[in-house]
Amino acid sequence: MGTAMNHRISHIRKSRRGAALLAVLWLIAILAMACMTALHVISFDMQIAGAKIHGSRARQLAEMGIAVGCNPAVKRIDPILRQLNGDTGEGFEVRIASEGGRFNINSLLLQGEKPFLTNIFCDWGIDPKDAQAIVDCLTDWVDADDNVSLNGAEKNEYEKLGRVNQPFNRPFYNLDEMRLVLGMDLVERARPDWRNWFTVWSGGALDLNEADAELIAVAAETTTDRAAVIPETVRGPDGQLDTEDDARFTNASTALDLLGINTNARPDLIKRFTVNDATTRIESIGYAQGAKCKIIVIVRNRTGKPALLERTEEIIP
C-alpha cells in the first residue's frame, strides 16, 4: 500500500510539473507574439513617420523647383531646371510649357465652336447624338441665360436630379466644374485623359508651338500623321523639345502652310491657332528618398508682371 501510494503521489507531482512547464511555454509563446506584434507596430509607425518626412522634403524640393521655374530669367532649356543629387537621390525636375497647347473650353463654347467640339467627342467614340447633347449641355452651363439648347439642360433638368443652383451660367473656373455637366460621364468613360485636351486659362487659340499632333489635326481638320510635321519642325533636328535647336514658329500661317492649308480661304481655321501663348504652365517634381511630389502652377505673363492663376499639388506613387 505504501509503495503504491508513493508511486501515485510521484505521478501526480510529475503531472503537475508537466502542466506547469506547458503553461510556462504557452506564456513564453504569447509574450513572444506580443513582442513581435509590438515590433511590427513600431516598424510601421517608423515607416509612416519616415514617409511623412520624405514626403515633406519632396514637397519642399518641388517648391524650390517652382521658384526657379517662375523666374523670368530662366529659359525653358536652362540646365538649372533639372537638379538631381546622384548620391542622395534628392532634387527636382521642372518643365515649362505654354498652357496654349490645350483647347480653351470656355473660348470654344462662347465663340460658337459647337460643331468642332462635337467632332472631338465623336472622334473619341461617342455617339453623334450623345456628343451633340453633351455640347449643348456644356453651352447651357456657360451661357448667361436660362434658355435650353436643343438637347441641352438648364435649371429644371438639374433640379429633377436633386441638384440645385445648377448650371452656374458662367464660364468654367476650372476643369473640375466640367464634370458636373450632364453627359460628361460619357466623356469620362470614352476618354479618361480628356483633361489633357482642355484648359480654362489660355488666351483662347491653340498654340502651334506647344500642341500635340493629335490636337492640331482635329483643329486643322486633317490627319494626325499629316499634322505631325508641325511638332516635328518645332523640335528641330535633334527631335527633342526645349533644346538649343528648337525651331519655333513666329506666326500661325507659316505653320499651317506646311499642312497645305490656304488660310485666306479658311479664316475659320486660322482663328483656332496662335503661337507663343502668354499663359505658362510650370510643372515641378520633387524627389526625396523615394518620395515624389508634383506641383503645378499656371502663370500669366511670366516674363513680364506674372499673375498666378492656379496651383495644384499631388503626391506621385
Protein backbone atom coordinates (compact mmCIF):
# COMPACT_ATOMS: atom_id res chain seq x y z
CA MET A 1 0.00 0.00 0.00
CA GLY A 2 2.75 2.43 0.95
CA THR A 3 4.68 1.76 -2.22
CA ALA A 4 1.61 2.20 -4.43
CA MET A 5 0.71 5.42 -2.65
CA ASN A 6 4.22 6.76 -3.19
CA HIS A 7 4.07 5.95 -6.90
CA ARG A 8 0.71 7.69 -7.16
CA ILE A 9 1.98 10.80 -5.36
CA SER A 10 5.08 10.87 -7.56
CA HIS A 11 2.93 10.58 -10.70
CA ILE A 12 0.71 13.45 -9.56
CA ARG A 13 3.74 15.63 -8.89
CA LYS A 14 5.23 14.86 -12.32
CA SER A 15 1.88 15.67 -13.98
CA ARG A 16 1.69 18.98 -12.15
CA ARG A 17 5.26 19.83 -13.12
CA GLY A 18 4.47 18.95 -16.76
CA ALA A 19 1.34 21.10 -16.73
CA ALA A 20 3.28 23.97 -15.17
CA LEU A 21 6.01 23.60 -17.79
CA LEU A 22 3.41 23.59 -20.58
CA ALA A 23 1.77 26.71 -19.11
CA VAL A 24 5.17 28.43 -18.98
CA LEU A 25 5.86 27.50 -22.59
CA TRP A 26 2.46 28.87 -23.65
CA LEU A 27 3.12 32.07 -21.72
CA ILE A 28 6.52 32.45 -23.40
CA ALA A 29 4.89 31.91 -26.81
CA ILE A 30 2.21 34.53 -26.08
CA LEU A 31 4.83 37.02 -24.87
CA ALA A 32 6.91 36.37 -27.99
CA MET A 33 3.89 37.00 -30.22
CA ALA A 34 3.12 40.19 -28.29
CA CYS A 35 6.73 41.33 -28.73
CA MET A 36 6.64 40.59 -32.48
CA THR A 37 3.37 42.48 -32.81
CA ALA A 38 4.80 45.44 -30.92
CA LEU A 39 7.89 45.41 -33.15
CA HIS A 40 5.71 45.36 -36.28
CA VAL A 41 3.65 48.28 -34.96
CA ILE A 42 6.78 50.25 -34.10
CA SER A 43 8.29 49.48 -37.52
CA PHE A 44 5.07 50.55 -39.24
CA ASP A 45 4.95 53.78 -37.24
CA MET A 46 8.57 54.45 -38.16
CA GLN A 47 7.79 53.87 -41.84
CA ILE A 48 4.86 56.28 -41.65
CA ALA A 49 6.99 58.88 -39.89
CA GLY A 50 9.76 58.40 -42.46
CA ALA A 51 7.29 58.70 -45.34
CA LYS A 52 5.94 61.93 -43.88
CA ILE A 53 9.45 63.32 -43.50
CA HIS A 54 10.47 62.29 -47.02
CA GLY A 55 7.16 63.49 -48.46
CA SER A 56 7.62 66.84 -46.76
CA ARG A 57 11.15 67.05 -48.15
CA ALA A 58 9.94 66.14 -51.65
CA ARG A 59 7.32 68.87 -51.40
CA GLN A 60 9.96 71.37 -50.28
CA LEU A 61 12.13 70.47 -53.26
CA ALA A 62 9.17 70.75 -55.63
CA GLU A 63 8.53 74.24 -54.23
CA MET A 64 12.16 75.11 -54.91
CA GLY A 65 11.67 73.97 -58.49
CA ILE A 66 8.59 76.18 -58.85
CA ALA A 67 10.58 79.16 -57.57
CA VAL A 68 13.25 78.51 -60.17
CA GLY A 69 10.72 77.96 -62.97
CA CYS A 70 8.85 81.18 -62.17
CA ASN A 71 12.00 83.26 -62.53
CA PRO A 72 11.61 85.11 -65.85
CA ALA A 73 15.38 84.99 -66.37
CA VAL A 74 15.29 81.19 -66.55
CA LYS A 75 14.77 79.83 -70.06
CA ARG A 76 12.98 76.63 -70.96
CA ILE A 77 16.25 75.00 -71.98
CA ASP A 78 18.17 76.13 -68.88
CA PRO A 79 20.00 73.21 -67.14
CA ILE A 80 19.10 74.74 -63.78
CA LEU A 81 15.59 73.32 -64.23
CA ARG A 82 16.92 69.81 -63.55
CA GLN A 83 18.82 69.39 -60.30
CA LEU A 84 19.24 65.82 -59.04
CA ASN A 85 21.83 64.66 -56.49
CA GLY A 86 23.03 61.19 -57.52
CA ASP A 87 24.30 60.39 -54.01
CA THR A 88 21.19 61.35 -52.00
CA GLY A 89 18.55 60.88 -54.71
CA GLU A 90 17.16 64.31 -53.84
CA GLY A 91 16.37 67.08 -56.25
CA PHE A 92 13.77 68.41 -58.64
CA GLU A 93 12.82 68.49 -62.31
CA VAL A 94 10.91 71.39 -63.81
CA ARG A 95 9.11 71.64 -67.13
CA ILE A 96 7.93 74.96 -68.53
CA ALA A 97 5.28 74.89 -71.24
CA SER A 98 2.55 77.05 -72.65
CA GLU A 99 -0.99 76.42 -71.48
CA GLY A 100 -1.94 77.22 -75.06
CA GLY A 101 -1.13 73.64 -76.01
CA ARG A 102 -4.68 72.72 -74.94
CA PHE A 103 -8.12 73.81 -76.12
CA ASN A 104 -9.71 76.55 -74.04
CA ILE A 105 -13.15 75.09 -73.37
CA ASN A 106 -14.69 78.45 -72.50
CA SER A 107 -13.49 80.01 -75.75
CA LEU A 108 -14.80 77.11 -77.83
CA LEU A 109 -18.25 77.35 -76.28
CA LEU A 110 -18.59 81.13 -76.19
CA GLN A 111 -17.30 81.53 -79.76
CA GLY A 112 -19.86 79.10 -81.13
CA GLU A 113 -17.47 76.26 -81.97
CA LYS A 114 -20.13 73.67 -81.12
CA PRO A 115 -19.69 71.57 -84.31
CA PHE A 116 -15.93 71.49 -83.76
CA LEU A 117 -16.32 70.35 -80.15
CA THR A 118 -18.91 67.78 -81.22
CA ASN A 119 -16.42 66.36 -83.72
CA ILE A 120 -13.84 65.96 -80.95
CA PHE A 121 -16.26 63.88 -78.89
CA CYS A 122 -17.27 61.84 -81.92
CA ASP A 123 -13.62 61.10 -82.66
CA TRP A 124 -13.42 59.70 -79.13
CA GLY A 125 -16.08 57.15 -79.99
CA ILE A 126 -19.12 58.90 -78.53
CA ASP A 127 -22.35 58.53 -80.49
CA PRO A 128 -23.03 61.70 -82.57
CA LYS A 129 -26.42 62.32 -80.90
CA ASP A 130 -24.87 61.98 -77.45
CA ALA A 131 -21.95 64.20 -78.48
CA GLN A 132 -24.34 66.94 -79.65
CA ALA A 133 -26.29 66.68 -76.39
CA ILE A 134 -23.12 66.97 -74.31
CA VAL A 135 -22.01 70.07 -76.21
CA ASP A 136 -25.47 71.63 -75.78
CA CYS A 137 -25.31 70.93 -72.04
CA LEU A 138 -21.83 72.46 -71.84
CA THR A 139 -23.12 75.51 -73.70
CA ASP A 140 -26.09 75.90 -71.36
CA TRP A 141 -23.73 75.72 -68.40
CA VAL A 142 -21.58 78.66 -69.53
CA ASP A 143 -24.17 80.95 -71.14
CA ALA A 144 -25.84 83.65 -69.05
CA ASP A 145 -29.46 82.81 -69.82
CA ASP A 146 -31.90 80.06 -68.85
CA ASN A 147 -32.87 79.17 -72.41
CA VAL A 148 -32.42 75.47 -73.03
CA SER A 149 -30.46 74.46 -76.12
CA LEU A 150 -31.97 71.85 -78.43
CA ASN A 151 -30.50 68.92 -76.49
CA GLY A 152 -29.18 70.85 -73.52
CA ALA A 153 -30.06 71.23 -69.85
CA GLU A 154 -30.86 74.21 -67.68
CA LYS A 155 -32.16 74.65 -64.13
CA ASN A 156 -35.23 72.40 -64.39
CA GLU A 157 -33.28 69.42 -65.71
CA TYR A 158 -30.75 69.62 -62.88
CA GLU A 159 -33.43 70.13 -60.21
CA LYS A 160 -35.12 66.91 -61.33
CA LEU A 161 -31.89 65.18 -60.34
CA GLY A 162 -31.86 66.90 -56.94
CA ARG A 163 -29.10 69.31 -57.96
CA VAL A 164 -29.94 72.90 -57.03
CA ASN A 165 -28.28 76.11 -58.24
CA GLN A 166 -27.03 74.42 -61.39
CA PRO A 167 -25.94 75.17 -64.04
CA PHE A 168 -23.76 78.07 -62.91
CA ASN A 169 -24.46 80.12 -66.09
CA ARG A 170 -20.91 81.41 -66.27
CA PRO A 171 -17.63 80.22 -67.81
CA PHE A 172 -15.87 77.33 -66.13
CA TYR A 173 -13.47 78.35 -63.39
CA ASN A 174 -11.62 75.02 -63.56
CA LEU A 175 -11.87 71.66 -65.30
CA ASP A 176 -13.44 70.01 -62.24
CA GLU A 177 -16.59 72.02 -62.93
CA MET A 178 -16.91 70.39 -66.34
CA ARG A 179 -17.54 67.06 -64.61
CA LEU A 180 -20.76 68.49 -63.15
CA VAL A 181 -22.30 68.91 -66.61
CA LEU A 182 -24.85 66.32 -67.70
CA GLY A 183 -23.32 63.84 -70.13
CA MET A 184 -19.72 64.35 -69.07
CA ASP A 185 -19.75 60.85 -67.57
CA LEU A 186 -19.83 59.58 -71.16
CA VAL A 187 -16.76 61.66 -71.97
CA GLU A 188 -15.03 60.32 -68.86
CA ARG A 189 -15.60 56.74 -69.96
CA ALA A 190 -14.70 57.32 -73.60
CA ARG A 191 -11.57 59.34 -72.92
CA PRO A 192 -10.26 59.16 -69.31
CA ASP A 193 -7.46 61.59 -70.20
CA TRP A 194 -9.83 64.27 -71.54
CA ARG A 195 -8.36 66.81 -69.11
CA ASN A 196 -5.14 66.79 -71.15
CA TRP A 197 -7.11 68.30 -74.03
CA PHE A 198 -8.66 71.28 -72.26
CA THR A 199 -7.84 74.31 -70.16
CA VAL A 200 -9.64 77.41 -68.90
CA TRP A 201 -6.54 79.61 -68.71
CA SER A 202 -5.04 80.01 -72.18
CA GLY A 203 -5.56 83.03 -74.39
CA GLY A 204 -8.11 81.05 -76.40
CA ALA A 205 -6.47 79.71 -79.56
CA LEU A 206 -4.33 76.56 -79.78
CA ASP A 207 -0.59 77.24 -79.62
CA LEU A 208 1.06 75.51 -82.58
CA ASN A 209 4.44 75.56 -80.85
CA GLU A 210 3.07 73.56 -77.93
CA ALA A 211 0.19 71.35 -79.04
CA ASP A 212 0.43 67.64 -79.81
CA ALA A 213 -0.18 66.48 -83.37
CA GLU A 214 -3.50 64.92 -82.35
CA LEU A 215 -4.94 68.24 -81.18
CA ILE A 216 -3.54 70.13 -84.17
CA ALA A 217 -5.08 67.58 -86.54
CA VAL A 218 -8.54 67.98 -85.02
CA ALA A 219 -8.40 71.78 -85.16
CA ALA A 220 -6.92 71.87 -88.67
CA GLU A 221 -9.33 69.20 -89.93
CA THR A 222 -6.56 66.95 -91.17
CA THR A 223 -4.96 63.65 -90.18
CA THR A 224 -2.69 63.16 -87.20
CA ASP A 225 0.10 61.83 -89.42
CA ARG A 226 -0.02 64.94 -91.55
CA ALA A 227 -0.24 67.28 -88.57
CA ALA A 228 2.83 65.64 -87.02
CA VAL A 229 5.05 67.77 -89.28
CA ILE A 230 4.38 70.80 -87.07
CA PRO A 231 5.65 69.43 -83.71
CA GLU A 232 8.47 67.68 -85.60
CA THR A 233 9.54 71.03 -87.05
CA VAL A 234 9.34 72.72 -83.66
CA ARG A 235 11.56 70.05 -82.05
CA GLY A 236 14.31 70.68 -84.58
CA PRO A 237 16.94 68.28 -85.95
CA ASP A 238 17.58 66.51 -82.62
CA GLY A 239 13.90 65.63 -82.23
CA GLN A 240 13.86 66.90 -78.63
CA LEU A 241 11.72 69.74 -77.31
CA ASP A 242 13.28 72.51 -75.24
CA THR A 243 16.79 72.22 -76.69
CA GLU A 244 19.04 74.67 -78.49
CA ASP A 245 17.93 73.67 -81.99
CA ASP A 246 14.18 74.15 -81.47
CA ALA A 247 12.59 75.90 -84.44
CA ARG A 248 9.52 77.60 -83.04
CA PHE A 249 7.05 79.26 -85.39
CA THR A 250 6.65 83.02 -85.25
CA ASN A 251 3.16 83.02 -86.76
CA ALA A 252 0.37 80.52 -87.28
CA SER A 253 0.11 80.99 -91.05
CA THR A 254 3.64 79.69 -91.62
CA ALA A 255 2.85 76.54 -89.68
CA LEU A 256 -0.44 75.92 -91.48
CA ASP A 257 1.31 76.35 -94.84
CA LEU A 258 3.12 73.11 -94.05
CA LEU A 259 -0.26 71.41 -93.94
CA GLY A 260 -1.28 72.88 -97.30
CA ILE A 261 -3.99 74.99 -95.72
CA ASN A 262 -4.91 78.23 -97.50
CA THR A 263 -5.57 80.49 -94.54
CA ASN A 264 -7.18 83.12 -96.76
CA ALA A 265 -9.75 80.59 -97.93
CA ARG A 266 -10.23 79.13 -94.44
CA PRO A 267 -10.34 82.04 -91.97
CA ASP A 268 -12.39 79.79 -89.68
CA LEU A 269 -9.33 77.57 -89.26
CA ILE A 270 -6.69 80.24 -88.78
CA LYS A 271 -8.61 81.75 -85.86
CA ARG A 272 -8.25 78.48 -83.99
CA PHE A 273 -4.47 78.81 -83.83
CA THR A 274 -1.81 81.04 -82.36
CA VAL A 275 1.86 80.88 -81.39
CA ASN A 276 3.63 81.74 -78.14
CA ASP A 277 0.60 81.95 -75.84
CA ALA A 278 1.48 84.07 -72.80
CA THR A 279 -0.05 81.68 -70.27
CA THR A 280 2.60 79.39 -68.82
CA ARG A 281 2.29 76.00 -67.11
CA ILE A 282 5.15 75.19 -64.74
CA GLU A 283 5.35 71.60 -63.51
CA SER A 284 7.86 70.74 -60.78
CA ILE A 285 8.51 67.26 -59.37
CA GLY A 286 10.49 66.98 -56.14
CA TYR A 287 12.34 63.77 -55.23
CA ALA A 288 13.45 62.68 -51.73
CA GLN A 289 14.32 59.13 -50.65
CA GLY A 290 11.80 57.53 -52.98
CA ALA A 291 9.05 60.07 -52.26
CA LYS A 292 7.81 62.26 -55.11
CA CYS A 293 5.68 65.37 -55.02
CA LYS A 294 4.37 67.25 -58.06
CA ILE A 295 3.32 70.89 -58.01
CA ILE A 296 1.76 72.65 -61.00
CA VAL A 297 1.27 76.38 -61.25
CA ILE A 298 -0.26 78.31 -64.12
CA VAL A 299 1.06 81.84 -64.55
CA ARG A 300 0.13 84.59 -66.95
CA ASN A 301 2.84 86.96 -68.24
CA ARG A 302 5.71 85.03 -66.67
CA THR A 303 8.30 87.24 -68.35
CA GLY A 304 6.53 90.49 -67.52
CA LYS A 305 4.30 91.05 -64.49
CA PRO A 306 3.39 87.47 -63.58
CA ALA A 307 -0.04 86.64 -62.19
CA LEU A 308 -0.71 83.29 -60.51
CA LEU A 309 -3.87 81.75 -61.94
CA GLU A 310 -3.92 78.27 -60.46
CA ARG A 311 -1.88 75.98 -58.20
CA THR A 312 -2.32 72.23 -57.74
CA GLU A 313 -0.32 69.65 -55.79
CA GLU A 314 -0.22 65.87 -55.84
CA ILE A 315 1.78 63.01 -54.35
CA ILE A 316 3.13 60.70 -57.04
CA PRO A 317 3.20 56.98 -56.13
